[in-house]
Amino acid sequence: MVMGFSIALIVFSLLLMLLVLMHKGKGGGLSDMFGGGMQSSVGGSSVAERNLDRITVVVGLLWFACIVVLGITMKVNN
């Protein structure tokens, strides 16, 4: 059980990194340093951006749940 959640945690971690890197810079911070601040943002988000936001939140919640379950499982086993 611990091995399964450990593998799931690794997969969710990699997926979460990929999803966060896919987001468009909102201005300010490091995104301006790499030219992200040059783009003009039109008011409102596209459907693809909103779906990316939703997927990122779901994967983040699954990542957090894996960490909690792994912590509880390891505490009970030891």
PDB file of N, CA and C in Angstrom:
ATOM      1  N   MET A   1       0.820  -1.182   0.000  1.00  0.00           N
ATOM      2  CA  MET A   1       0.000   0.000   0.000  1.00  0.00           C
ATOM      3  C   MET A   1       0.876   1.263   0.000  1.00  0.00           C
ATOM      4  N   VAL A   2       1.924   1.234   0.796  1.00  0.00           N
ATOM      5  CA  VAL A   2       2.827   2.385   0.844  1.00  0.00           C
ATOM      6  C   VAL A   2       3.511   2.569  -0.503  1.00  0.00           C
ATOM      7  N   MET A   3       3.898   1.463  -1.131  1.00  0.00           N
ATOM      8  CA  MET A   3       4.569   1.547  -2.432  1.00  0.00           C
ATOM      9  C   MET A   3       3.649   2.149  -3.493  1.00  0.00           C
ATOM     10  N   GLY A   4       2.392   1.771  -3.475  1.00  0.00           N
ATOM     11  CA  GLY A   4       1.427   2.304  -4.444  1.00  0.00           C
ATOM     12  C   GLY A   4       1.226   3.797  -4.287  1.00  0.00           C
ATOM     13  N   PHE A   5       1.074   4.257  -3.040  1.00  0.00           N
ATOM     14  CA  PHE A   5       0.898   5.685  -2.804  1.00  0.00           C
ATOM     15  C   PHE A   5       2.186   6.456  -3.077  1.00  0.00           C
ATOM     16  N   SER A   6       3.333   5.825  -2.860  1.00  0.00           N
ATOM     17  CA  SER A   6       4.608   6.478  -3.180  1.00  0.00           C
ATOM     18  C   SER A   6       4.745   6.693  -4.687  1.00  0.00           C
ATOM     19  N   ILE A   7       4.377   5.689  -5.448  1.00  0.00           N
ATOM     20  CA  ILE A   7       4.418   5.825  -6.908  1.00  0.00           C
ATOM     21  C   ILE A   7       3.419   6.878  -7.369  1.00  0.00           C
ATOM     22  N   ALA A   8       2.216   6.859  -6.787  1.00  0.00           N
ATOM     23  CA  ALA A   8       1.207   7.865  -7.140  1.00  0.00           C
ATOM     24  C   ALA A   8       1.701   9.272  -6.797  1.00  0.00           C
ATOM     25  N   LEU A   9       2.396   9.407  -5.673  1.00  0.00           N
ATOM     26  CA  LEU A   9       2.925  10.712  -5.274  1.00  0.00           C
ATOM     27  C   LEU A   9       3.966  11.215  -6.269  1.00  0.00           C
ATOM     28  N   ILE A  10       4.818  10.325  -6.743  1.00  0.00           N
ATOM     29  CA  ILE A  10       5.828  10.705  -7.737  1.00  0.00           C
ATOM     30  C   ILE A  10       5.152  11.137  -9.036  1.00  0.00           C
ATOM     31  N   VAL A  11       4.163  10.375  -9.473  1.00  0.00           N
ATOM     32  CA  VAL A  11       3.452  10.701 -10.718  1.00  0.00           C
ATOM     33  C   VAL A  11       2.723  12.038 -10.585  1.00  0.00           C
ATOM     34  N   PHE A  12       2.012  12.235  -9.457  1.00  0.00           N
ATOM     35  CA  PHE A  12       1.295  13.491  -9.255  1.00  0.00           C
ATOM     36  C   PHE A  12       2.257  14.669  -9.128  1.00  0.00           C
ATOM     37  N   SER A  13       3.422  14.456  -8.527  1.00  0.00           N
ATOM     38  CA  SER A  13       4.410  15.529  -8.406  1.00  0.00           C
ATOM     39  C   SER A  13       4.912  15.961  -9.773  1.00  0.00           C
ATOM     40  N   LEU A  14       5.249  15.006 -10.613  1.00  0.00           N
ATOM     41  CA  LEU A  14       5.720  15.340 -11.957  1.00  0.00           C
ATOM     42  C   LEU A  14       4.623  16.009 -12.782  1.00  0.00           C
ATOM     43  N   LEU A  15       3.410  15.497 -12.663  1.00  0.00           N
ATOM     44  CA  LEU A  15       2.287  16.074 -13.398  1.00  0.00           C
ATOM     45  C   LEU A  15       1.993  17.496 -12.915  1.00  0.00           C
ATOM     46  N   LEU A  16       2.087  17.712 -11.614  1.00  0.00           N
ATOM     47  CA  LEU A  16       1.833  19.039 -11.064  1.00  0.00           C
ATOM     48  C   LEU A  16       2.891  20.038 -11.529  1.00  0.00           C
ATOM     49  N   MET A  17       4.149  19.611 -11.574  1.00  0.00           N
ATOM     50  CA  MET A  17       5.200  20.490 -12.089  1.00  0.00           C
ATOM     51  C   MET A  17       4.924  20.870 -13.540  1.00  0.00           C
ATOM     52  N   LEU A  18       4.549  19.894 -14.343  1.00  0.00           N
ATOM     53  CA  LEU A  18       4.256  20.145 -15.753  1.00  0.00           C
ATOM     54  C   LEU A  18       3.087  21.107 -15.908  1.00  0.00           C
ATOM     55  N   LEU A  19       2.034  20.890 -15.135  1.00  0.00           N
ATOM     56  CA  LEU A  19       0.851  21.745 -15.238  1.00  0.00           C
ATOM     57  C   LEU A  19       1.148  23.174 -14.800  1.00  0.00           C
ATOM     58  N   VAL A  20       1.931  23.338 -13.748  1.00  0.00           N
ATOM     59  CA  VAL A  20       2.264  24.687 -13.287  1.00  0.00           C
ATOM     60  C   VAL A  20       3.118  25.409 -14.326  1.00  0.00           C
ATOM     61  N   LEU A  21       4.036  24.684 -14.944  1.00  0.00           N
ATOM     62  CA  LEU A  21       4.880  25.305 -15.959  1.00  0.00           C
ATOM     63  C   LEU A  21       4.101  25.666 -17.223  1.00  0.00           C
ATOM     64  N   MET A  22       2.976  25.023 -17.461  1.00  0.00           N
ATOM     65  CA  MET A  22       2.168  25.316 -18.639  1.00  0.00           C
ATOM     66  C   MET A  22       1.359  26.603 -18.492  1.00  0.00           C
ATOM     67  N   HIS A  23       1.191  27.082 -17.266  1.00  0.00           N
ATOM     68  CA  HIS A  23       0.403  28.294 -17.039  1.00  0.00           C
ATOM     69  C   HIS A  23       1.085  29.512 -17.637  1.00  0.00           C
ATOM     70  N   LYS A  24       0.266  30.422 -18.103  1.00  0.00           N
ATOM     71  CA  LYS A  24       0.765  31.672 -18.660  1.00  0.00           C
ATOM     72  C   LYS A  24       1.109  32.603 -17.504  1.00  0.00           C
ATOM     73  N   GLY A  25       2.202  33.347 -17.636  1.00  0.00           N
ATOM     74  CA  GLY A  25       2.595  34.294 -16.607  1.00  0.00           C
ATOM     75  C   GLY A  25       1.557  35.389 -16.448  1.00  0.00           C
ATOM     76  N   LYS A  26       1.246  35.747 -15.225  1.00  0.00           N
ATOM     77  CA  LYS A  26       0.233  36.777 -14.960  1.00  0.00           C
ATOM     78  C   LYS A  26       0.867  38.146 -14.750  1.00  0.00           C
ATOM     79  N   GLY A  27       2.168  38.263 -14.907  1.00  0.00           N
ATOM     80  CA  GLY A  27       2.843  39.538 -14.689  1.00  0.00           C
ATOM     81  C   GLY A  27       3.437  39.588 -13.296  1.00  0.00           C
ATOM     82  N   GLY A  28       4.576  40.210 -13.184  1.00  0.00           N
ATOM     83  CA  GLY A  28       5.249  40.292 -11.897  1.00  0.00           C
ATOM     84  C   GLY A  28       6.019  39.017 -11.633  1.00  0.00           C
ATOM     85  N   GLY A  29       7.022  39.111 -10.823  1.00  0.00           N
ATOM     86  CA  GLY A  29       7.784  37.930 -10.461  1.00  0.00           C
ATOM     87  C   GLY A  29       8.727  37.487 -11.560  1.00  0.00           C
ATOM     88  N   LEU A  30       9.029  36.220 -11.571  1.00  0.00           N
ATOM     89  CA  LEU A  30      10.012  35.679 -12.504  1.00  0.00           C
ATOM     90  C   LEU A  30       9.513  35.608 -13.939  1.00  0.00           C
ATOM     91  N   SER A  31       8.195  35.607 -14.147  1.00  0.00           N
ATOM     92  CA  SER A  31       7.691  35.510 -15.515  1.00  0.00           C
ATOM     93  C   SER A  31       8.053  36.751 -16.332  1.00  0.00           C
ATOM     94  N   ASP A  32       8.155  37.908 -15.691  1.00  0.00           N
ATOM     95  CA  ASP A  32       8.576  39.122 -16.397  1.00  0.00           C
ATOM     96  C   ASP A  32      10.027  39.032 -16.845  1.00  0.00           C
ATOM     97  N   MET A  33      10.829  38.342 -16.059  1.00  0.00           N
ATOM     98  CA  MET A  33      12.243  38.246 -16.358  1.00  0.00           C
ATOM     99  C   MET A  33      12.487  37.504 -17.674  1.00  0.00           C
ATOM    100  N   PHE A  34      11.620  36.589 -18.015  1.00  0.00           N
ATOM    101  CA  PHE A  34      11.790  35.783 -19.224  1.00  0.00           C
ATOM    102  C   PHE A  34      10.878  36.237 -20.359  1.00  0.00           C
ATOM    103  N   GLY A  35      10.361  37.456 -20.285  1.00  0.00           N
ATOM    104  CA  GLY A  35       9.546  37.992 -21.373  1.00  0.00           C
ATOM    105  C   GLY A  35       8.070  37.741 -21.221  1.00  0.00           C
ATOM    106  N   GLY A  36       7.630  37.189 -20.116  1.00  0.00           N
ATOM    107  CA  GLY A  36       6.202  36.939 -19.920  1.00  0.00           C
ATOM    108  C   GLY A  36       5.409  38.208 -19.726  1.00  0.00           C
ATOM    109  N   GLY A  37       6.058  39.278 -19.262  1.00  0.00           N
ATOM    110  CA  GLY A  37       5.367  40.530 -19.030  1.00  0.00           C
ATOM    111  C   GLY A  37       5.102  41.314 -20.294  1.00  0.00           C
ATOM    112  N   MET A  38       5.682  40.914 -21.406  1.00  0.00           N
ATOM    113  CA  MET A  38       5.522  41.626 -22.669  1.00  0.00           C
ATOM    114  C   MET A  38       4.142  41.406 -23.280  1.00  0.00           C
ATOM    115  N   GLN A  39       3.493  40.325 -22.926  1.00  0.00           N
ATOM    116  CA  GLN A  39       2.217  39.993 -23.537  1.00  0.00           C
ATOM    117  C   GLN A  39       1.120  40.839 -22.916  1.00  0.00           C
ATOM    118  N   SER A  40       0.223  41.334 -23.756  1.00  0.00           N
ATOM    119  CA  SER A  40      -0.910  42.076 -23.219  1.00  0.00           C
ATOM    120  C   SER A  40      -2.009  41.086 -22.881  1.00  0.00           C
ATOM    121  N   SER A  41      -2.560  41.243 -21.700  1.00  0.00           N
ATOM    122  CA  SER A  41      -3.609  40.313 -21.292  1.00  0.00           C
ATOM    123  C   SER A  41      -4.965  40.941 -21.559  1.00  0.00           C
ATOM    124  N   VAL A  42      -5.767  40.270 -22.311  1.00  0.00           N
ATOM    125  CA  VAL A  42      -7.124  40.710 -22.587  1.00  0.00           C
ATOM    126  C   VAL A  42      -7.970  40.267 -21.408  1.00  0.00           C
ATOM    127  N   GLY A  43      -8.918  41.082 -20.999  1.00  0.00           N
ATOM    128  CA  GLY A  43      -9.740  40.737 -19.843  1.00  0.00           C
ATOM    129  C   GLY A  43     -10.452  39.414 -20.032  1.00  0.00           C
ATOM    130  N   GLY A  44     -10.361  38.557 -19.053  1.00  0.00           N
ATOM    131  CA  GLY A  44     -11.007  37.253 -19.132  1.00  0.00           C
ATOM    132  C   GLY A  44     -10.049  36.169 -19.547  1.00  0.00           C
ATOM    133  N   SER A  45     -10.368  34.970 -19.159  1.00  0.00           N
ATOM    134  CA  SER A  45      -9.526  33.827 -19.476  1.00  0.00           C
ATOM    135  C   SER A  45     -10.171  33.001 -20.574  1.00  0.00           C
ATOM    136  N   SER A  46      -9.339  32.336 -21.328  1.00  0.00           N
ATOM    137  CA  SER A  46      -9.883  31.450 -22.355  1.00  0.00           C
ATOM    138  C   SER A  46     -10.342  30.152 -21.698  1.00  0.00           C
ATOM    139  N   VAL A  47     -11.073  29.386 -22.432  1.00  0.00           N
ATOM    140  CA  VAL A  47     -11.582  28.112 -21.916  1.00  0.00           C
ATOM    141  C   VAL A  47     -10.425  27.178 -21.587  1.00  0.00           C
ATOM    142  N   ALA A  48      -9.398  27.187 -22.422  1.00  0.00           N
ATOM    143  CA  ALA A  48      -8.251  26.313 -22.179  1.00  0.00           C
ATOM    144  C   ALA A  48      -7.542  26.681 -20.883  1.00  0.00           C
ATOM    145  N   GLU A  49      -7.415  27.975 -20.596  1.00  0.00           N
ATOM    146  CA  GLU A  49      -6.760  28.399 -19.362  1.00  0.00           C
ATOM    147  C   GLU A  49      -7.582  28.023 -18.142  1.00  0.00           C
ATOM    148  N   ARG A  50      -8.889  28.186 -18.232  1.00  0.00           N
ATOM    149  CA  ARG A  50      -9.746  27.806 -17.106  1.00  0.00           C
ATOM    150  C   ARG A  50      -9.712  26.304 -16.866  1.00  0.00           C
ATOM    151  N   ASN A  51      -9.704  25.517 -17.940  1.00  0.00           N
ATOM    152  CA  ASN A  51      -9.604  24.064 -17.780  1.00  0.00           C
ATOM    153  C   ASN A  51      -8.256  23.674 -17.199  1.00  0.00           C
ATOM    154  N   LEU A  52      -7.194  24.347 -17.622  1.00  0.00           N
ATOM    155  CA  LEU A  52      -5.868  24.081 -17.067  1.00  0.00           C
ATOM    156  C   LEU A  52      -5.838  24.408 -15.579  1.00  0.00           C
ATOM    157  N   ASP A  53      -6.489  25.494 -15.190  1.00  0.00           N
ATOM    158  CA  ASP A  53      -6.582  25.846 -13.773  1.00  0.00           C
ATOM    159  C   ASP A  53      -7.306  24.755 -12.985  1.00  0.00           C
ATOM    160  N   ARG A  54      -8.415  24.290 -13.524  1.00  0.00           N
ATOM    161  CA  ARG A  54      -9.192  23.253 -12.829  1.00  0.00           C
ATOM    162  C   ARG A  54      -8.402  21.956 -12.701  1.00  0.00           C
ATOM    163  N   ILE A  55      -7.741  21.556 -13.765  1.00  0.00           N
ATOM    164  CA  ILE A  55      -6.952  20.317 -13.733  1.00  0.00           C
ATOM    165  C   ILE A  55      -5.813  20.452 -12.729  1.00  0.00           C
ATOM    166  N   THR A  56      -5.179  21.629 -12.685  1.00  0.00           N
ATOM    167  CA  THR A  56      -4.087  21.851 -11.747  1.00  0.00           C
ATOM    168  C   THR A  56      -4.578  21.750 -10.308  1.00  0.00           C
ATOM    169  N   VAL A  57      -5.737  22.313 -10.014  1.00  0.00           N
ATOM    170  CA  VAL A  57      -6.290  22.243  -8.661  1.00  0.00           C
ATOM    171  C   VAL A  57      -6.611  20.802  -8.284  1.00  0.00           C
ATOM    172  N   VAL A  58      -7.204  20.050  -9.193  1.00  0.00           N
ATOM    173  CA  VAL A  58      -7.548  18.649  -8.904  1.00  0.00           C
ATOM    174  C   VAL A  58      -6.291  17.822  -8.652  1.00  0.00           C
ATOM    175  N   VAL A  59      -5.280  17.990  -9.496  1.00  0.00           N
ATOM    176  CA  VAL A  59      -4.032  17.244  -9.311  1.00  0.00           C
ATOM    177  C   VAL A  59      -3.352  17.663  -8.012  1.00  0.00           C
ATOM    178  N   GLY A  60      -3.420  18.952  -7.675  1.00  0.00           N
ATOM    179  CA  GLY A  60      -2.856  19.418  -6.412  1.00  0.00           C
ATOM    180  C   GLY A  60      -3.552  18.811  -5.212  1.00  0.00           C
ATOM    181  N   LEU A  61      -4.868  18.695  -5.272  1.00  0.00           N
ATOM    182  CA  LEU A  61      -5.612  18.062  -4.177  1.00  0.00           C
ATOM    183  C   LEU A  61      -5.291  16.572  -4.066  1.00  0.00           C
ATOM    184  N   LEU A  62      -5.152  15.894  -5.202  1.00  0.00           N
ATOM    185  CA  LEU A  62      -4.766  14.482  -5.180  1.00  0.00           C
ATOM    186  C   LEU A  62      -3.359  14.307  -4.622  1.00  0.00           C
ATOM    187  N   TRP A  63      -2.450  15.217  -4.983  1.00  0.00           N
ATOM    188  CA  TRP A  63      -1.085  15.201  -4.461  1.00  0.00           C
ATOM    189  C   TRP A  63      -1.097  15.354  -2.942  1.00  0.00           C
ATOM    190  N   PHE A  64      -1.891  16.310  -2.453  1.00  0.00           N
ATOM    191  CA  PHE A  64      -1.997  16.533  -1.012  1.00  0.00           C
ATOM    192  C   PHE A  64      -2.597  15.314  -0.307  1.00  0.00           C
ATOM    193  N   ALA A  65      -3.621  14.705  -0.914  1.00  0.00           N
ATOM    194  CA  ALA A  65      -4.247  13.523  -0.320  1.00  0.00           C
ATOM    195  C   ALA A  65      -3.254  12.367  -0.231  1.00  0.00           C
ATOM    196  N   CYS A  66      -2.407  12.197  -1.257  1.00  0.00           N
ATOM    197  CA  CYS A  66      -1.392  11.138  -1.222  1.00  0.00           C
ATOM    198  C   CYS A  66      -0.418  11.363  -0.079  1.00  0.00           C
ATOM    199  N   ILE A  67      -0.020  12.614   0.139  1.00  0.00           N
ATOM    200  CA  ILE A  67       0.903  12.911   1.228  1.00  0.00           C
ATOM    201  C   ILE A  67       0.270  12.601   2.578  1.00  0.00           C
ATOM    202  N   VAL A  68      -0.993  12.976   2.758  1.00  0.00           N
ATOM    203  CA  VAL A  68      -1.678  12.714   4.024  1.00  0.00           C
ATOM    204  C   VAL A  68      -1.817  11.218   4.261  1.00  0.00           C
ATOM    205  N   VAL A  69      -2.246  10.482   3.240  1.00  0.00           N
ATOM    206  CA  VAL A  69      -2.419   9.027   3.382  1.00  0.00           C
ATOM    207  C   VAL A  69      -1.085   8.349   3.657  1.00  0.00           C
ATOM    208  N   LEU A  70      -0.025   8.769   2.971  1.00  0.00           N
ATOM    209  CA  LEU A  70       1.298   8.193   3.218  1.00  0.00           C
ATOM    210  C   LEU A  70       1.767   8.483   4.636  1.00  0.00           C
ATOM    211  N   GLY A  71       1.535   9.690   5.118  1.00  0.00           N
ATOM    212  CA  GLY A  71       1.931  10.032   6.483  1.00  0.00           C
ATOM    213  C   GLY A  71       1.192   9.207   7.511  1.00  0.00           C
ATOM    214  N   ILE A  72      -0.106   9.047   7.327  1.00  0.00           N
ATOM    215  CA  ILE A  72      -0.907   8.250   8.275  1.00  0.00           C
ATOM    216  C   ILE A  72      -0.501   6.792   8.199  1.00  0.00           C
ATOM    217  N   THR A  73      -0.311   6.273   7.001  1.00  0.00           N
ATOM    218  CA  THR A  73       0.063   4.873   6.824  1.00  0.00           C
ATOM    219  C   THR A  73       1.429   4.582   7.453  1.00  0.00           C
ATOM    220  N   MET A  74       2.376   5.457   7.247  1.00  0.00           N
ATOM    221  CA  MET A  74       3.714   5.238   7.814  1.00  0.00           C
ATOM    222  C   MET A  74       3.699   5.364   9.343  1.00  0.00           C
ATOM    223  N   LYS A  75       2.856   6.244   9.863  1.00  0.00           N
ATOM    224  CA  LYS A  75       2.766   6.373  11.321  1.00  0.00           C
ATOM    225  C   LYS A  75       2.122   5.142  11.940  1.00  0.00           C
ATOM    226  N   VAL A  76       1.121   4.589  11.284  1.00  0.00           N
ATOM    227  CA  VAL A  76       0.433   3.407  11.823  1.00  0.00           C
ATOM    228  C   VAL A  76       1.341   2.171  11.720  1.00  0.00           C
ATOM    229  N   ASN A  77       2.084   2.053  10.626  1.00  0.00           N
ATOM    230  CA  ASN A  77       2.953   0.879  10.436  1.00  0.00           C
ATOM    231  C   ASN A  77       4.141   0.871  11.387  1.00  0.00           C
ATOM    232  N   ASN A  78       4.597   2.033  11.808  1.00  0.00           N
ATOM    233  CA  ASN A  78       5.758   2.082  12.709  1.00  0.00           C
ATOM    234  C   ASN A  78       5.290   2.245  14.073  1.00  0.00           C
TER     235      ASN A  78
END
